[in-house]
Amino acid sequence: MKKVRFLVVVLSALLLGCKSDYEKMVAKELAKNVRYDSLFLDLHFGMTRKDFFTHCWELNKKGTIMQGPGNLSVQYQVDSTLMKDKTFMWFYPDFKDDKITSMPVEFSYQSWAPWNQELSADTLLMEVKQLYEKWYGDGFVEMKNKDGSKVVWIKVDGNRRIRLFKKNISIVHADFTNLLEVEKTKDKPEE
């Protein structure tokens, strides 16, 4: 019986040791049972589609936001004292069961051009990371794929995951995900 218990303990330790650093970070944060639903501009996970549109309408009337390119997103100009150049942020949430579950965001310098290397996505990524550290606190962890060609900065606070990475030469992508919603979909059998 002692051998069986010992074997179970050793196998459990080995299986837990197989988790990636990211998986360990997510498990640790979710185990805290703390919710972080706030996003930005008083938007939050769980906000209904109707409340999102009403809130954006009010922000638009105040001149805080406007329609983004092609009327497919919301455009917000980041405070110019926080960035190297005039920077736009575009966002539009993903809804599940009529509630915000994730929020993709894109950033771009207004003056970016292929010959303007100081305003490349590499520079913008580090500025967005610094901006997000002001807004959400320290704790972004750099993660790379095996060959090092893709760099993602990740921060997990309770249920809220934030990822930052270069989308292309001029755009930085950020996304907010409610990990509780991700966990729910993992538990559902595939249809």
N, C-alpha and C. Protein backbone atom coordinates (compact mmCIF):
# COMPACT_ATOMS: atom_id res chain seq x y z
N MET A 1 0.83 -1.20 0.00
CA MET A 1 0.00 0.00 0.00
C MET A 1 0.87 1.25 0.00
N LYS A 2 1.99 1.23 0.79
CA LYS A 2 2.89 2.37 0.83
C LYS A 2 3.52 2.60 -0.53
N LYS A 3 3.83 1.51 -1.23
CA LYS A 3 4.44 1.63 -2.56
C LYS A 3 3.46 2.29 -3.54
N VAL A 4 2.20 1.95 -3.44
CA VAL A 4 1.18 2.52 -4.32
C VAL A 4 1.05 4.02 -4.06
N ARG A 5 0.98 4.42 -2.79
CA ARG A 5 0.89 5.85 -2.45
C ARG A 5 2.12 6.59 -2.96
N PHE A 6 3.28 5.99 -2.74
CA PHE A 6 4.52 6.62 -3.20
C PHE A 6 4.49 6.80 -4.72
N LEU A 7 4.04 5.76 -5.42
CA LEU A 7 3.96 5.81 -6.87
C LEU A 7 2.97 6.88 -7.33
N VAL A 8 1.83 7.00 -6.66
CA VAL A 8 0.84 8.04 -7.00
C VAL A 8 1.44 9.43 -6.80
N VAL A 9 2.14 9.64 -5.70
CA VAL A 9 2.77 10.94 -5.42
C VAL A 9 3.81 11.26 -6.49
N VAL A 10 4.64 10.30 -6.84
CA VAL A 10 5.69 10.52 -7.85
C VAL A 10 5.06 10.81 -9.21
N LEU A 11 4.05 10.04 -9.60
CA LEU A 11 3.40 10.27 -10.89
C LEU A 11 2.70 11.63 -10.93
N SER A 12 2.06 12.01 -9.83
CA SER A 12 1.42 13.33 -9.77
C SER A 12 2.44 14.44 -9.93
N ALA A 13 3.56 14.31 -9.26
CA ALA A 13 4.61 15.32 -9.36
C ALA A 13 5.15 15.41 -10.79
N LEU A 14 5.30 14.26 -11.42
CA LEU A 14 5.78 14.26 -12.81
C LEU A 14 4.78 14.92 -13.75
N LEU A 15 3.49 14.59 -13.58
CA LEU A 15 2.48 15.19 -14.43
C LEU A 15 2.39 16.70 -14.23
N LEU A 16 2.46 17.15 -12.98
CA LEU A 16 2.44 18.58 -12.72
C LEU A 16 3.67 19.25 -13.28
N GLY A 17 4.79 18.56 -13.26
CA GLY A 17 6.03 19.11 -13.80
C GLY A 17 6.00 19.26 -15.30
N CYS A 18 5.07 18.58 -15.97
CA CYS A 18 4.98 18.64 -17.43
C CYS A 18 4.25 19.90 -17.91
N LYS A 19 3.60 20.60 -17.02
CA LYS A 19 2.89 21.81 -17.41
C LYS A 19 3.89 22.89 -17.82
N SER A 20 3.50 23.66 -18.81
CA SER A 20 4.34 24.78 -19.24
C SER A 20 4.27 25.90 -18.20
N ASP A 21 5.19 26.84 -18.31
CA ASP A 21 5.18 28.00 -17.40
C ASP A 21 3.85 28.75 -17.53
N TYR A 22 3.36 28.85 -18.76
CA TYR A 22 2.08 29.54 -18.99
C TYR A 22 0.94 28.80 -18.28
N GLU A 23 0.88 27.49 -18.45
CA GLU A 23 -0.19 26.70 -17.82
C GLU A 23 -0.12 26.81 -16.29
N LYS A 24 1.08 26.83 -15.77
CA LYS A 24 1.25 26.98 -14.31
C LYS A 24 0.75 28.36 -13.86
N MET A 25 1.08 29.40 -14.63
CA MET A 25 0.65 30.76 -14.29
C MET A 25 -0.87 30.85 -14.29
N VAL A 26 -1.51 30.29 -15.31
CA VAL A 26 -2.97 30.33 -15.40
C VAL A 26 -3.59 29.55 -14.25
N ALA A 27 -3.09 28.37 -13.97
CA ALA A 27 -3.64 27.55 -12.88
C ALA A 27 -3.51 28.26 -11.54
N LYS A 28 -2.35 28.88 -11.32
CA LYS A 28 -2.12 29.61 -10.05
C LYS A 28 -3.11 30.76 -9.90
N GLU A 29 -3.30 31.53 -10.97
CA GLU A 29 -4.20 32.69 -10.91
C GLU A 29 -5.66 32.27 -10.77
N LEU A 30 -6.08 31.25 -11.51
CA LEU A 30 -7.47 30.80 -11.41
C LEU A 30 -7.75 30.21 -10.03
N ALA A 31 -6.74 29.60 -9.42
CA ALA A 31 -6.91 29.00 -8.09
C ALA A 31 -7.16 30.07 -7.02
N LYS A 32 -6.79 31.31 -7.30
CA LYS A 32 -7.00 32.39 -6.33
C LYS A 32 -8.48 32.74 -6.18
N ASN A 33 -9.30 32.33 -7.15
CA ASN A 33 -10.74 32.64 -7.14
C ASN A 33 -11.01 34.14 -6.99
N VAL A 34 -10.20 34.94 -7.69
CA VAL A 34 -10.37 36.39 -7.68
C VAL A 34 -10.77 36.80 -9.10
N ARG A 35 -11.75 37.69 -9.20
CA ARG A 35 -12.20 38.16 -10.51
C ARG A 35 -11.65 39.54 -10.81
N TYR A 36 -11.14 39.69 -12.01
CA TYR A 36 -10.73 40.99 -12.54
C TYR A 36 -11.48 41.14 -13.86
N ASP A 37 -12.59 41.85 -13.82
CA ASP A 37 -13.43 41.99 -15.01
C ASP A 37 -13.23 43.31 -15.73
N SER A 38 -12.54 44.27 -15.11
CA SER A 38 -12.39 45.58 -15.74
C SER A 38 -11.44 45.50 -16.93
N LEU A 39 -11.77 46.27 -17.97
CA LEU A 39 -10.96 46.31 -19.17
C LEU A 39 -10.34 47.71 -19.30
N PHE A 40 -11.07 48.66 -19.86
CA PHE A 40 -10.65 50.06 -20.00
C PHE A 40 -11.88 50.87 -20.33
N LEU A 41 -11.79 52.18 -20.15
CA LEU A 41 -12.90 53.09 -20.45
C LEU A 41 -14.22 52.63 -19.80
N ASP A 42 -14.13 52.05 -18.62
CA ASP A 42 -15.28 51.54 -17.87
C ASP A 42 -16.02 50.40 -18.57
N LEU A 43 -15.34 49.71 -19.46
CA LEU A 43 -15.87 48.50 -20.08
C LEU A 43 -15.42 47.32 -19.22
N HIS A 44 -16.18 46.23 -19.25
CA HIS A 44 -15.82 45.08 -18.42
C HIS A 44 -16.38 43.79 -18.98
N PHE A 45 -15.74 42.67 -18.58
CA PHE A 45 -16.28 41.35 -18.92
C PHE A 45 -17.68 41.24 -18.36
N GLY A 46 -18.56 40.59 -19.09
CA GLY A 46 -19.92 40.39 -18.64
C GLY A 46 -20.87 41.51 -19.05
N MET A 47 -20.34 42.62 -19.57
CA MET A 47 -21.18 43.72 -20.02
C MET A 47 -22.02 43.24 -21.20
N THR A 48 -23.30 43.53 -21.19
CA THR A 48 -24.16 43.09 -22.28
C THR A 48 -23.90 43.93 -23.53
N ARG A 49 -24.30 43.39 -24.65
CA ARG A 49 -24.15 44.10 -25.93
C ARG A 49 -24.86 45.45 -25.88
N LYS A 50 -26.07 45.46 -25.33
CA LYS A 50 -26.84 46.71 -25.24
C LYS A 50 -26.11 47.73 -24.36
N ASP A 51 -25.60 47.29 -23.20
CA ASP A 51 -24.87 48.20 -22.32
C ASP A 51 -23.59 48.70 -22.97
N PHE A 52 -22.91 47.83 -23.74
CA PHE A 52 -21.70 48.24 -24.46
C PHE A 52 -22.03 49.36 -25.44
N PHE A 53 -23.06 49.18 -26.25
CA PHE A 53 -23.43 50.20 -27.23
C PHE A 53 -23.89 51.50 -26.56
N THR A 54 -24.65 51.38 -25.50
CA THR A 54 -25.11 52.57 -24.76
C THR A 54 -23.91 53.32 -24.18
N HIS A 55 -22.99 52.59 -23.57
CA HIS A 55 -21.80 53.22 -22.98
C HIS A 55 -20.95 53.89 -24.06
N CYS A 56 -20.75 53.21 -25.17
CA CYS A 56 -19.95 53.80 -26.26
C CYS A 56 -20.65 55.02 -26.85
N TRP A 57 -21.96 54.99 -26.93
CA TRP A 57 -22.71 56.14 -27.42
C TRP A 57 -22.44 57.35 -26.53
N GLU A 58 -22.45 57.14 -25.21
CA GLU A 58 -22.19 58.23 -24.26
C GLU A 58 -20.74 58.73 -24.40
N LEU A 59 -19.79 57.82 -24.54
CA LEU A 59 -18.39 58.22 -24.72
C LEU A 59 -18.21 58.98 -26.03
N ASN A 60 -18.94 58.58 -27.06
CA ASN A 60 -18.87 59.26 -28.34
C ASN A 60 -19.42 60.68 -28.23
N LYS A 61 -20.53 60.84 -27.52
CA LYS A 61 -21.12 62.18 -27.35
C LYS A 61 -20.16 63.11 -26.61
N LYS A 62 -19.35 62.56 -25.71
CA LYS A 62 -18.36 63.36 -24.96
C LYS A 62 -17.10 63.61 -25.78
N GLY A 63 -16.96 62.96 -26.93
CA GLY A 63 -15.77 63.12 -27.76
C GLY A 63 -14.61 62.23 -27.32
N THR A 64 -14.86 61.28 -26.44
CA THR A 64 -13.80 60.39 -25.95
C THR A 64 -13.42 59.35 -26.99
N ILE A 65 -14.41 58.86 -27.71
CA ILE A 65 -14.18 57.84 -28.74
C ILE A 65 -14.91 58.25 -30.01
N MET A 66 -14.61 57.53 -31.09
CA MET A 66 -15.34 57.71 -32.33
C MET A 66 -15.36 56.38 -33.08
N GLN A 67 -16.05 56.35 -34.22
CA GLN A 67 -16.07 55.13 -35.02
C GLN A 67 -14.69 54.89 -35.60
N GLY A 68 -14.29 53.63 -35.60
CA GLY A 68 -13.01 53.25 -36.18
C GLY A 68 -13.10 53.07 -37.68
N PRO A 69 -11.99 52.70 -38.30
CA PRO A 69 -11.96 52.52 -39.76
C PRO A 69 -13.03 51.54 -40.23
N GLY A 70 -13.73 51.92 -41.27
CA GLY A 70 -14.76 51.07 -41.85
C GLY A 70 -15.96 50.86 -40.95
N ASN A 71 -16.07 51.65 -39.90
CA ASN A 71 -17.16 51.52 -38.93
C ASN A 71 -17.27 50.11 -38.35
N LEU A 72 -16.11 49.43 -38.25
CA LEU A 72 -16.08 48.07 -37.74
C LEU A 72 -15.49 47.97 -36.34
N SER A 73 -15.10 49.10 -35.79
CA SER A 73 -14.49 49.11 -34.46
C SER A 73 -14.72 50.47 -33.81
N VAL A 74 -14.30 50.55 -32.57
CA VAL A 74 -14.33 51.81 -31.83
C VAL A 74 -12.91 52.35 -31.82
N GLN A 75 -12.76 53.64 -32.07
CA GLN A 75 -11.43 54.26 -32.08
C GLN A 75 -11.27 55.16 -30.87
N TYR A 76 -10.13 55.02 -30.22
CA TYR A 76 -9.78 55.84 -29.06
C TYR A 76 -8.36 56.35 -29.28
N GLN A 77 -8.16 57.64 -29.07
CA GLN A 77 -6.81 58.19 -29.17
C GLN A 77 -6.20 58.15 -27.78
N VAL A 78 -5.08 57.44 -27.67
CA VAL A 78 -4.39 57.30 -26.39
C VAL A 78 -3.82 58.65 -25.99
N ASP A 79 -3.85 58.96 -24.71
CA ASP A 79 -3.31 60.21 -24.18
C ASP A 79 -1.91 60.43 -24.75
N SER A 80 -1.72 61.53 -25.45
CA SER A 80 -0.46 61.80 -26.15
C SER A 80 0.73 61.96 -25.20
N THR A 81 0.49 62.23 -23.94
CA THR A 81 1.61 62.36 -23.00
C THR A 81 2.17 60.99 -22.61
N LEU A 82 1.45 59.93 -22.96
CA LEU A 82 1.87 58.57 -22.58
C LEU A 82 2.60 57.84 -23.70
N MET A 83 2.57 58.40 -24.91
CA MET A 83 3.15 57.70 -26.07
C MET A 83 4.10 58.62 -26.82
N LYS A 84 4.99 58.00 -27.58
CA LYS A 84 6.01 58.70 -28.36
C LYS A 84 5.40 59.55 -29.48
N ASP A 85 4.30 59.06 -30.05
CA ASP A 85 3.64 59.73 -31.17
C ASP A 85 2.13 59.54 -30.99
N LYS A 86 1.35 60.31 -31.72
CA LYS A 86 -0.10 60.16 -31.67
C LYS A 86 -0.44 58.68 -31.97
N THR A 87 -1.17 58.07 -31.05
CA THR A 87 -1.45 56.63 -31.14
C THR A 87 -2.94 56.37 -31.07
N PHE A 88 -3.40 55.54 -31.98
CA PHE A 88 -4.80 55.15 -31.99
C PHE A 88 -4.94 53.72 -31.49
N MET A 89 -6.05 53.51 -30.82
CA MET A 89 -6.40 52.20 -30.28
C MET A 89 -7.78 51.87 -30.84
N TRP A 90 -7.91 50.70 -31.48
CA TRP A 90 -9.19 50.26 -32.03
C TRP A 90 -9.62 48.99 -31.31
N PHE A 91 -10.89 48.90 -30.99
CA PHE A 91 -11.36 47.71 -30.29
C PHE A 91 -12.82 47.43 -30.62
N TYR A 92 -13.19 46.19 -30.46
CA TYR A 92 -14.59 45.76 -30.55
C TYR A 92 -14.64 44.39 -29.87
N PRO A 93 -15.52 44.23 -28.89
CA PRO A 93 -15.52 43.00 -28.09
C PRO A 93 -16.09 41.79 -28.83
N ASP A 94 -15.73 40.62 -28.30
CA ASP A 94 -16.37 39.37 -28.68
C ASP A 94 -17.44 39.10 -27.63
N PHE A 95 -18.62 38.76 -28.09
CA PHE A 95 -19.73 38.49 -27.19
C PHE A 95 -20.05 37.00 -27.22
N LYS A 96 -20.38 36.47 -26.05
CA LYS A 96 -20.89 35.11 -25.96
C LYS A 96 -22.10 35.18 -25.05
N ASP A 97 -23.20 34.61 -25.49
CA ASP A 97 -24.45 34.71 -24.74
C ASP A 97 -24.77 36.17 -24.41
N ASP A 98 -24.49 37.06 -25.40
CA ASP A 98 -24.79 38.49 -25.32
C ASP A 98 -23.97 39.24 -24.27
N LYS A 99 -22.83 38.68 -23.85
CA LYS A 99 -21.97 39.35 -22.86
C LYS A 99 -20.53 39.34 -23.34
N ILE A 100 -19.78 40.39 -22.97
CA ILE A 100 -18.38 40.48 -23.36
C ILE A 100 -17.57 39.39 -22.66
N THR A 101 -16.88 38.57 -23.48
CA THR A 101 -16.00 37.53 -22.94
C THR A 101 -14.54 37.77 -23.30
N SER A 102 -14.32 38.54 -24.37
CA SER A 102 -12.95 38.91 -24.74
C SER A 102 -12.97 40.23 -25.49
N MET A 103 -11.81 40.87 -25.52
CA MET A 103 -11.72 42.19 -26.16
C MET A 103 -10.42 42.28 -26.95
N PRO A 104 -10.49 42.08 -28.27
CA PRO A 104 -9.31 42.31 -29.11
C PRO A 104 -9.09 43.82 -29.30
N VAL A 105 -7.83 44.23 -29.26
CA VAL A 105 -7.47 45.64 -29.38
C VAL A 105 -6.28 45.75 -30.33
N GLU A 106 -6.26 46.80 -31.13
CA GLU A 106 -5.10 47.07 -31.98
C GLU A 106 -4.63 48.49 -31.77
N PHE A 107 -3.31 48.67 -31.81
CA PHE A 107 -2.67 49.97 -31.64
C PHE A 107 -1.82 50.27 -32.87
N SER A 108 -1.79 51.55 -33.25
CA SER A 108 -0.91 51.99 -34.34
C SER A 108 -0.58 53.46 -34.15
N TYR A 109 0.67 53.80 -34.45
CA TYR A 109 1.06 55.21 -34.47
C TYR A 109 0.45 55.86 -35.70
N GLN A 110 -0.06 57.06 -35.57
CA GLN A 110 -0.63 57.75 -36.72
C GLN A 110 0.44 58.04 -37.77
N SER A 111 1.65 58.38 -37.35
CA SER A 111 2.71 58.79 -38.28
C SER A 111 3.55 57.63 -38.79
N TRP A 112 3.13 56.39 -38.55
CA TRP A 112 3.94 55.28 -39.02
C TRP A 112 4.03 55.29 -40.54
N ALA A 113 5.22 54.97 -41.06
CA ALA A 113 5.45 54.78 -42.49
C ALA A 113 6.63 53.81 -42.59
N PRO A 114 6.74 53.07 -43.68
CA PRO A 114 7.82 52.09 -43.80
C PRO A 114 9.22 52.69 -43.62
N TRP A 115 9.40 53.96 -43.97
CA TRP A 115 10.70 54.61 -43.82
C TRP A 115 10.88 55.24 -42.45
N ASN A 116 9.90 55.14 -41.60
CA ASN A 116 9.92 55.77 -40.28
C ASN A 116 10.13 54.68 -39.21
N GLN A 117 11.35 54.12 -39.16
CA GLN A 117 11.63 52.97 -38.31
C GLN A 117 11.45 53.22 -36.82
N GLU A 118 11.62 54.47 -36.38
CA GLU A 118 11.44 54.73 -34.94
C GLU A 118 9.98 54.60 -34.50
N LEU A 119 9.08 54.47 -35.47
CA LEU A 119 7.67 54.26 -35.15
C LEU A 119 7.20 52.88 -35.62
N SER A 120 8.11 51.91 -35.57
CA SER A 120 7.77 50.54 -35.97
C SER A 120 6.98 49.84 -34.87
N ALA A 121 6.46 48.69 -35.19
CA ALA A 121 5.72 47.91 -34.21
C ALA A 121 6.61 47.45 -33.06
N ASP A 122 7.91 47.30 -33.31
CA ASP A 122 8.82 46.93 -32.22
C ASP A 122 8.82 48.00 -31.13
N THR A 123 8.92 49.25 -31.53
CA THR A 123 8.88 50.37 -30.58
C THR A 123 7.50 50.47 -29.94
N LEU A 124 6.48 50.36 -30.76
CA LEU A 124 5.10 50.47 -30.27
C LEU A 124 4.79 49.37 -29.25
N LEU A 125 5.26 48.15 -29.49
CA LEU A 125 5.00 47.05 -28.56
C LEU A 125 5.53 47.37 -27.17
N MET A 126 6.73 47.91 -27.09
CA MET A 126 7.31 48.23 -25.78
C MET A 126 6.56 49.40 -25.13
N GLU A 127 6.09 50.35 -25.95
CA GLU A 127 5.31 51.46 -25.39
C GLU A 127 3.94 50.99 -24.90
N VAL A 128 3.31 50.11 -25.64
CA VAL A 128 2.01 49.58 -25.20
C VAL A 128 2.21 48.77 -23.92
N LYS A 129 3.28 48.01 -23.85
CA LYS A 129 3.57 47.25 -22.63
C LYS A 129 3.71 48.21 -21.44
N GLN A 130 4.47 49.29 -21.62
CA GLN A 130 4.62 50.28 -20.53
C GLN A 130 3.28 50.92 -20.18
N LEU A 131 2.48 51.23 -21.18
CA LEU A 131 1.15 51.81 -20.94
C LEU A 131 0.29 50.84 -20.14
N TYR A 132 0.28 49.58 -20.53
CA TYR A 132 -0.51 48.58 -19.83
C TYR A 132 0.01 48.34 -18.41
N GLU A 133 1.29 48.47 -18.21
CA GLU A 133 1.82 48.35 -16.84
C GLU A 133 1.31 49.50 -15.97
N LYS A 134 1.15 50.68 -16.56
CA LYS A 134 0.56 51.80 -15.81
C LYS A 134 -0.90 51.52 -15.50
N TRP A 135 -1.62 50.96 -16.47
CA TRP A 135 -3.05 50.73 -16.32
C TRP A 135 -3.37 49.48 -15.48
N TYR A 136 -2.57 48.42 -15.63
CA TYR A 136 -2.90 47.12 -15.02
C TYR A 136 -1.84 46.59 -14.06
N GLY A 137 -0.75 47.32 -13.90
CA GLY A 137 0.30 46.89 -12.97
C GLY A 137 1.38 46.05 -13.64
N ASP A 138 2.47 45.89 -12.91
CA ASP A 138 3.60 45.08 -13.40
C ASP A 138 3.20 43.61 -13.45
N GLY A 139 4.07 42.82 -14.06
CA GLY A 139 3.83 41.38 -14.07
C GLY A 139 3.69 40.79 -15.45
N PHE A 140 3.95 41.58 -16.50
CA PHE A 140 3.92 41.01 -17.84
C PHE A 140 5.14 40.12 -18.03
N VAL A 141 4.91 38.92 -18.53
CA VAL A 141 5.97 37.94 -18.72
C VAL A 141 6.18 37.74 -20.21
N GLU A 142 7.44 37.78 -20.62
CA GLU A 142 7.76 37.57 -22.03
C GLU A 142 7.80 36.07 -22.33
N MET A 143 7.09 35.66 -23.35
CA MET A 143 7.10 34.27 -23.78
C MET A 143 7.37 34.23 -25.28
N LYS A 144 8.15 33.23 -25.68
CA LYS A 144 8.52 33.09 -27.09
C LYS A 144 8.18 31.68 -27.57
N ASN A 145 7.96 31.59 -28.88
CA ASN A 145 7.80 30.25 -29.44
C ASN A 145 9.18 29.58 -29.51
N LYS A 146 9.22 28.33 -29.92
CA LYS A 146 10.47 27.56 -29.86
C LYS A 146 11.62 28.19 -30.64
N ASP A 147 11.33 28.75 -31.81
CA ASP A 147 12.42 29.33 -32.60
C ASP A 147 12.66 30.81 -32.29
N GLY A 148 11.87 31.38 -31.36
CA GLY A 148 12.09 32.76 -30.95
C GLY A 148 11.55 33.80 -31.91
N SER A 149 10.83 33.38 -32.94
CA SER A 149 10.35 34.33 -33.95
C SER A 149 9.09 35.08 -33.51
N LYS A 150 8.38 34.58 -32.53
CA LYS A 150 7.15 35.21 -32.05
C LYS A 150 7.31 35.50 -30.56
N VAL A 151 7.13 36.78 -30.21
CA VAL A 151 7.23 37.21 -28.81
C VAL A 151 5.87 37.70 -28.35
N VAL A 152 5.43 37.19 -27.22
CA VAL A 152 4.15 37.61 -26.64
C VAL A 152 4.39 37.99 -25.20
N TRP A 153 3.87 39.14 -24.80
CA TRP A 153 3.90 39.55 -23.40
C TRP A 153 2.55 39.18 -22.80
N ILE A 154 2.58 38.46 -21.68
CA ILE A 154 1.34 37.97 -21.07
C ILE A 154 1.28 38.36 -19.60
N LYS A 155 0.09 38.75 -19.18
CA LYS A 155 -0.17 39.02 -17.76
C LYS A 155 -1.50 38.35 -17.43
N VAL A 156 -1.52 37.59 -16.34
CA VAL A 156 -2.75 36.96 -15.89
C VAL A 156 -3.02 37.42 -14.46
N ASP A 157 -4.20 37.99 -14.27
CA ASP A 157 -4.67 38.41 -12.94
C ASP A 157 -6.00 37.70 -12.72
N GLY A 158 -6.02 36.71 -11.84
CA GLY A 158 -7.26 35.98 -11.60
C GLY A 158 -7.78 35.41 -12.90
N ASN A 159 -8.96 35.83 -13.30
CA ASN A 159 -9.60 35.34 -14.53
C ASN A 159 -9.22 36.13 -15.78
N ARG A 160 -8.54 37.27 -15.63
CA ARG A 160 -8.27 38.14 -16.79
C ARG A 160 -6.86 37.90 -17.33
N ARG A 161 -6.80 37.49 -18.60
CA ARG A 161 -5.52 37.35 -19.29
C ARG A 161 -5.37 38.48 -20.29
N ILE A 162 -4.19 39.10 -20.29
CA ILE A 162 -3.87 40.14 -21.27
C ILE A 162 -2.66 39.66 -22.05
N ARG A 163 -2.76 39.71 -23.38
CA ARG A 163 -1.63 39.35 -24.25
C ARG A 163 -1.30 40.53 -25.15
N LEU A 164 -0.02 40.75 -25.39
CA LEU A 164 0.46 41.81 -26.28
C LEU A 164 1.46 41.21 -27.26
N PHE A 165 1.30 41.53 -28.55
CA PHE A 165 2.27 41.05 -29.53
C PHE A 165 2.17 41.88 -30.81
N LYS A 166 3.22 41.81 -31.63
CA LYS A 166 3.21 42.50 -32.92
C LYS A 166 2.32 41.72 -33.88
N LYS A 167 1.38 42.43 -34.49
CA LYS A 167 0.53 41.80 -35.50
C LYS A 167 1.23 41.84 -36.86
N ASN A 168 1.82 43.00 -37.15
CA ASN A 168 2.57 43.18 -38.39
C ASN A 168 3.56 44.32 -38.19
N ILE A 169 4.08 44.87 -39.25
CA ILE A 169 5.13 45.88 -39.16
C ILE A 169 4.68 47.18 -38.49
N SER A 170 3.35 47.44 -38.49
CA SER A 170 2.88 48.72 -37.95
C SER A 170 1.85 48.60 -36.83
N ILE A 171 1.35 47.41 -36.57
CA ILE A 171 0.27 47.25 -35.60
C ILE A 171 0.66 46.31 -34.46
N VAL A 172 0.30 46.73 -33.27
CA VAL A 172 0.45 45.88 -32.08
C VAL A 172 -0.94 45.42 -31.69
N HIS A 173 -1.06 44.14 -31.46
CA HIS A 173 -2.33 43.54 -31.05
C HIS A 173 -2.29 43.27 -29.55
N ALA A 174 -3.39 43.57 -28.91
CA ALA A 174 -3.57 43.23 -27.50
C ALA A 174 -4.92 42.52 -27.40
N ASP A 175 -5.01 41.60 -26.48
CA ASP A 175 -6.34 41.03 -26.25
C ASP A 175 -6.52 40.71 -24.78
N PHE A 176 -7.75 40.86 -24.37
CA PHE A 176 -8.18 40.55 -23.01
C PHE A 176 -9.09 39.34 -23.13
N THR A 177 -8.88 38.34 -22.29
CA THR A 177 -9.71 37.14 -22.31
C THR A 177 -10.13 36.80 -20.90
N ASN A 178 -11.42 36.50 -20.75
CA ASN A 178 -11.92 36.02 -19.48
C ASN A 178 -11.66 34.51 -19.45
N LEU A 179 -10.65 34.09 -18.69
CA LEU A 179 -10.26 32.69 -18.67
C LEU A 179 -11.34 31.78 -18.10
N LEU A 180 -12.24 32.33 -17.32
CA LEU A 180 -13.35 31.50 -16.81
C LEU A 180 -14.23 31.03 -17.96
N GLU A 181 -14.38 31.86 -18.99
CA GLU A 181 -15.15 31.48 -20.17
C GLU A 181 -14.39 30.43 -20.98
N VAL A 182 -13.08 30.55 -21.05
CA VAL A 182 -12.27 29.56 -21.75
C VAL A 182 -12.39 28.21 -21.06
N GLU A 183 -12.33 28.22 -19.73
CA GLU A 183 -12.45 26.98 -18.96
C GLU A 183 -13.83 26.34 -19.16
N LYS A 184 -14.88 27.16 -19.25
CA LYS A 184 -16.23 26.62 -19.47
C LYS A 184 -16.31 25.86 -20.79
N THR A 185 -15.71 26.43 -21.84
CA THR A 185 -15.79 25.79 -23.15
C THR A 185 -14.95 24.52 -23.20
N LYS A 186 -13.90 24.45 -22.37
CA LYS A 186 -13.10 23.22 -22.31
C LYS A 186 -13.92 22.07 -21.73
N ASP A 187 -14.81 22.40 -20.80
CA ASP A 187 -15.59 21.39 -20.12
C ASP A 187 -16.74 20.86 -20.97
N LYS A 188 -17.14 21.62 -22.00
CA LYS A 188 -18.27 21.20 -22.82
C LYS A 188 -17.83 20.14 -23.81
N PRO A 189 -18.66 19.11 -23.99
CA PRO A 189 -18.34 18.11 -25.02
C PRO A 189 -18.51 18.74 -26.39
N GLU A 190 -17.69 18.30 -27.32
CA GLU A 190 -17.79 18.83 -28.69
C GLU A 190 -19.09 18.35 -29.32
N GLU A 191 -19.70 19.25 -30.07
CA GLU A 191 -20.99 18.90 -30.71
C GLU A 191 -20.76 18.45 -32.12
